Amino acid sequence: MEEEKNTLVDVSWKFGVTTSSSESDKVGKTFLQLKLQLNNGGKMKDIFTEMTLTQFYKFIHDLEQAKNNLELLS
């Protein structure tokens, strides 16, 4: 049986700042909500995640490295 592969269809994100929380150290913290829309054999699937800006910058860096590696192979 061949495994179906997910194809990335769309990426969207929202930037936010925590304005209130029961934990005072969380107030003023920035975050990013990321939505990935995937197509798996005609079936659409949304994946949501939230990360800090540091995590997001690392994610973007990793994507750029993957892109560069794929370009080297082609």
N, C-alpha and C. Protein backbone atom coordinates (compact mmCIF):
# COMPACT_ATOMS: atom_id res chain seq x y z
N MET A 1 0.84 -1.18 0.00
CA MET A 1 0.00 0.00 0.00
C MET A 1 0.89 1.24 0.00
N GLU A 2 0.61 2.14 -0.93
CA GLU A 2 1.39 3.36 -1.04
C GLU A 2 0.80 4.45 -0.14
N GLU A 3 1.67 5.10 0.62
CA GLU A 3 1.23 6.15 1.52
C GLU A 3 1.02 7.45 0.74
N GLU A 4 -0.12 8.10 0.99
CA GLU A 4 -0.40 9.38 0.33
C GLU A 4 0.46 10.46 0.98
N LYS A 5 0.89 11.41 0.16
CA LYS A 5 1.72 12.50 0.66
C LYS A 5 0.90 13.77 0.77
N ASN A 6 1.17 14.52 1.82
CA ASN A 6 0.53 15.81 2.00
C ASN A 6 1.21 16.84 1.11
N THR A 7 0.41 17.68 0.47
CA THR A 7 0.91 18.79 -0.32
C THR A 7 0.49 20.08 0.37
N LEU A 8 1.44 20.97 0.60
CA LEU A 8 1.14 22.25 1.22
C LEU A 8 0.41 23.13 0.22
N VAL A 9 -0.78 23.58 0.60
CA VAL A 9 -1.62 24.40 -0.28
C VAL A 9 -1.51 25.87 0.10
N ASP A 10 -1.54 26.16 1.40
CA ASP A 10 -1.55 27.55 1.85
C ASP A 10 -0.94 27.64 3.24
N VAL A 11 -0.34 28.80 3.52
CA VAL A 11 0.19 29.11 4.84
C VAL A 11 -0.34 30.49 5.22
N SER A 12 -0.85 30.61 6.43
CA SER A 12 -1.26 31.92 6.92
C SER A 12 -0.84 32.03 8.38
N TRP A 13 -0.67 33.26 8.82
CA TRP A 13 -0.25 33.46 10.19
C TRP A 13 -0.85 34.74 10.75
N LYS A 14 -0.92 34.77 12.08
CA LYS A 14 -1.38 35.94 12.82
C LYS A 14 -0.36 36.22 13.91
N PHE A 15 0.01 37.47 14.03
CA PHE A 15 0.93 37.91 15.06
C PHE A 15 0.11 38.48 16.20
N GLY A 16 0.50 38.18 17.43
CA GLY A 16 -0.26 38.69 18.56
C GLY A 16 0.62 39.04 19.75
N VAL A 17 0.03 39.79 20.65
CA VAL A 17 0.68 40.17 21.91
C VAL A 17 -0.32 39.87 23.02
N THR A 18 0.12 39.18 24.05
CA THR A 18 -0.74 38.86 25.18
C THR A 18 -0.98 40.14 25.97
N THR A 19 -2.26 40.54 26.09
CA THR A 19 -2.59 41.78 26.79
C THR A 19 -3.07 41.54 28.21
N SER A 20 -3.57 40.34 28.49
CA SER A 20 -3.97 40.04 29.86
C SER A 20 -3.84 38.54 30.10
N SER A 21 -3.52 38.22 31.33
CA SER A 21 -3.35 36.82 31.71
C SER A 21 -3.37 36.72 33.22
N SER A 22 -3.74 35.56 33.72
CA SER A 22 -3.67 35.34 35.16
C SER A 22 -2.22 35.19 35.61
N GLU A 23 -1.33 34.98 34.65
CA GLU A 23 0.10 34.88 34.93
C GLU A 23 0.76 36.18 34.45
N SER A 24 1.17 37.03 35.38
CA SER A 24 1.66 38.36 35.02
C SER A 24 2.90 38.33 34.13
N ASP A 25 3.71 37.28 34.20
CA ASP A 25 4.91 37.22 33.35
C ASP A 25 4.57 36.96 31.88
N LYS A 26 3.33 36.56 31.59
CA LYS A 26 2.91 36.30 30.21
C LYS A 26 2.44 37.58 29.49
N VAL A 27 2.05 38.61 30.25
CA VAL A 27 1.54 39.85 29.66
C VAL A 27 2.66 40.53 28.88
N GLY A 28 2.32 40.95 27.66
CA GLY A 28 3.30 41.63 26.80
C GLY A 28 4.13 40.69 25.95
N LYS A 29 3.94 39.40 26.11
CA LYS A 29 4.69 38.42 25.31
C LYS A 29 4.10 38.34 23.90
N THR A 30 4.99 38.24 22.93
CA THR A 30 4.55 38.12 21.54
C THR A 30 4.45 36.64 21.15
N PHE A 31 3.56 36.37 20.21
CA PHE A 31 3.39 35.00 19.74
C PHE A 31 2.93 35.04 18.29
N LEU A 32 2.99 33.91 17.65
CA LEU A 32 2.56 33.79 16.27
C LEU A 32 1.70 32.55 16.13
N GLN A 33 0.52 32.70 15.54
CA GLN A 33 -0.35 31.56 15.26
C GLN A 33 -0.20 31.22 13.79
N LEU A 34 0.15 29.99 13.51
CA LEU A 34 0.43 29.53 12.16
C LEU A 34 -0.62 28.51 11.73
N LYS A 35 -1.13 28.68 10.51
CA LYS A 35 -2.10 27.74 9.95
C LYS A 35 -1.52 27.19 8.65
N LEU A 36 -1.41 25.88 8.56
CA LEU A 36 -0.96 25.20 7.35
C LEU A 36 -2.16 24.47 6.76
N GLN A 37 -2.41 24.68 5.49
CA GLN A 37 -3.49 23.97 4.82
C GLN A 37 -2.85 22.93 3.90
N LEU A 38 -3.21 21.66 4.11
CA LEU A 38 -2.63 20.55 3.38
C LEU A 38 -3.68 19.85 2.53
N ASN A 39 -3.22 19.30 1.42
CA ASN A 39 -4.08 18.48 0.57
C ASN A 39 -3.50 17.07 0.61
N ASN A 40 -4.30 16.13 1.07
CA ASN A 40 -3.88 14.74 1.14
C ASN A 40 -4.81 13.93 0.26
N GLY A 41 -4.43 13.77 -0.99
CA GLY A 41 -5.24 12.99 -1.92
C GLY A 41 -6.63 13.56 -2.14
N GLY A 42 -6.75 14.87 -2.21
CA GLY A 42 -8.04 15.51 -2.42
C GLY A 42 -8.77 15.88 -1.15
N LYS A 43 -8.28 15.43 -0.01
CA LYS A 43 -8.89 15.76 1.27
C LYS A 43 -8.08 16.89 1.91
N MET A 44 -8.76 18.02 2.16
CA MET A 44 -8.09 19.18 2.75
C MET A 44 -8.02 19.02 4.26
N LYS A 45 -6.90 19.46 4.82
CA LYS A 45 -6.69 19.36 6.26
C LYS A 45 -5.98 20.62 6.72
N ASP A 46 -6.47 21.24 7.80
CA ASP A 46 -5.84 22.42 8.38
C ASP A 46 -5.09 22.01 9.64
N ILE A 47 -3.88 22.52 9.77
CA ILE A 47 -3.07 22.28 10.96
C ILE A 47 -2.77 23.63 11.58
N PHE A 48 -3.04 23.76 12.86
CA PHE A 48 -2.82 25.01 13.58
C PHE A 48 -1.73 24.80 14.63
N THR A 49 -0.89 25.82 14.80
CA THR A 49 0.11 25.78 15.85
C THR A 49 0.39 27.20 16.31
N GLU A 50 0.87 27.32 17.53
CA GLU A 50 1.25 28.62 18.07
C GLU A 50 2.69 28.52 18.52
N MET A 51 3.46 29.56 18.24
CA MET A 51 4.87 29.55 18.62
C MET A 51 5.33 30.94 19.00
N THR A 52 6.44 30.98 19.71
CA THR A 52 7.06 32.27 20.03
C THR A 52 7.73 32.81 18.78
N LEU A 53 8.09 34.07 18.80
CA LEU A 53 8.79 34.64 17.64
C LEU A 53 10.13 33.95 17.42
N THR A 54 10.81 33.60 18.49
CA THR A 54 12.08 32.88 18.36
C THR A 54 11.87 31.54 17.66
N GLN A 55 10.84 30.81 18.04
CA GLN A 55 10.53 29.54 17.38
C GLN A 55 10.17 29.76 15.92
N PHE A 56 9.42 30.83 15.63
CA PHE A 56 9.03 31.13 14.25
C PHE A 56 10.25 31.44 13.40
N TYR A 57 11.17 32.25 13.91
CA TYR A 57 12.38 32.58 13.15
C TYR A 57 13.20 31.33 12.89
N LYS A 58 13.26 30.41 13.84
CA LYS A 58 13.98 29.14 13.64
C LYS A 58 13.27 28.31 12.57
N PHE A 59 11.95 28.29 12.61
CA PHE A 59 11.15 27.57 11.61
C PHE A 59 11.42 28.12 10.21
N ILE A 60 11.42 29.44 10.07
CA ILE A 60 11.70 30.07 8.77
C ILE A 60 13.11 29.73 8.32
N HIS A 61 14.06 29.77 9.23
CA HIS A 61 15.45 29.42 8.90
C HIS A 61 15.54 27.98 8.40
N ASP A 62 14.86 27.07 9.09
CA ASP A 62 14.87 25.66 8.67
C ASP A 62 14.22 25.48 7.30
N LEU A 63 13.14 26.22 7.02
CA LEU A 63 12.51 26.15 5.70
C LEU A 63 13.45 26.66 4.61
N GLU A 64 14.18 27.74 4.90
CA GLU A 64 15.14 28.28 3.92
C GLU A 64 16.25 27.28 3.65
N GLN A 65 16.73 26.61 4.70
CA GLN A 65 17.76 25.58 4.52
C GLN A 65 17.24 24.43 3.67
N ALA A 66 16.02 24.00 3.93
CA ALA A 66 15.43 22.91 3.15
C ALA A 66 15.29 23.33 1.68
N LYS A 67 14.86 24.56 1.45
CA LYS A 67 14.72 25.06 0.08
C LYS A 67 16.07 25.06 -0.62
N ASN A 68 17.11 25.55 0.05
CA ASN A 68 18.45 25.58 -0.53
C ASN A 68 18.95 24.17 -0.85
N ASN A 69 18.70 23.23 0.05
CA ASN A 69 19.12 21.85 -0.19
C ASN A 69 18.39 21.24 -1.39
N LEU A 70 17.10 21.53 -1.52
CA LEU A 70 16.34 21.02 -2.66
C LEU A 70 16.83 21.63 -3.97
N GLU A 71 17.21 22.90 -3.93
CA GLU A 71 17.73 23.55 -5.14
C GLU A 71 19.06 22.94 -5.56
N LEU A 72 19.87 22.54 -4.58
CA LEU A 72 21.15 21.90 -4.89
C LEU A 72 20.94 20.55 -5.58
N LEU A 73 19.87 19.86 -5.20
CA LEU A 73 19.60 18.53 -5.75
C LEU A 73 18.98 18.58 -7.14
N SER A 74 18.39 19.72 -7.50
CA SER A 74 17.72 19.78 -8.81
C SER A 74 18.60 20.37 -9.89
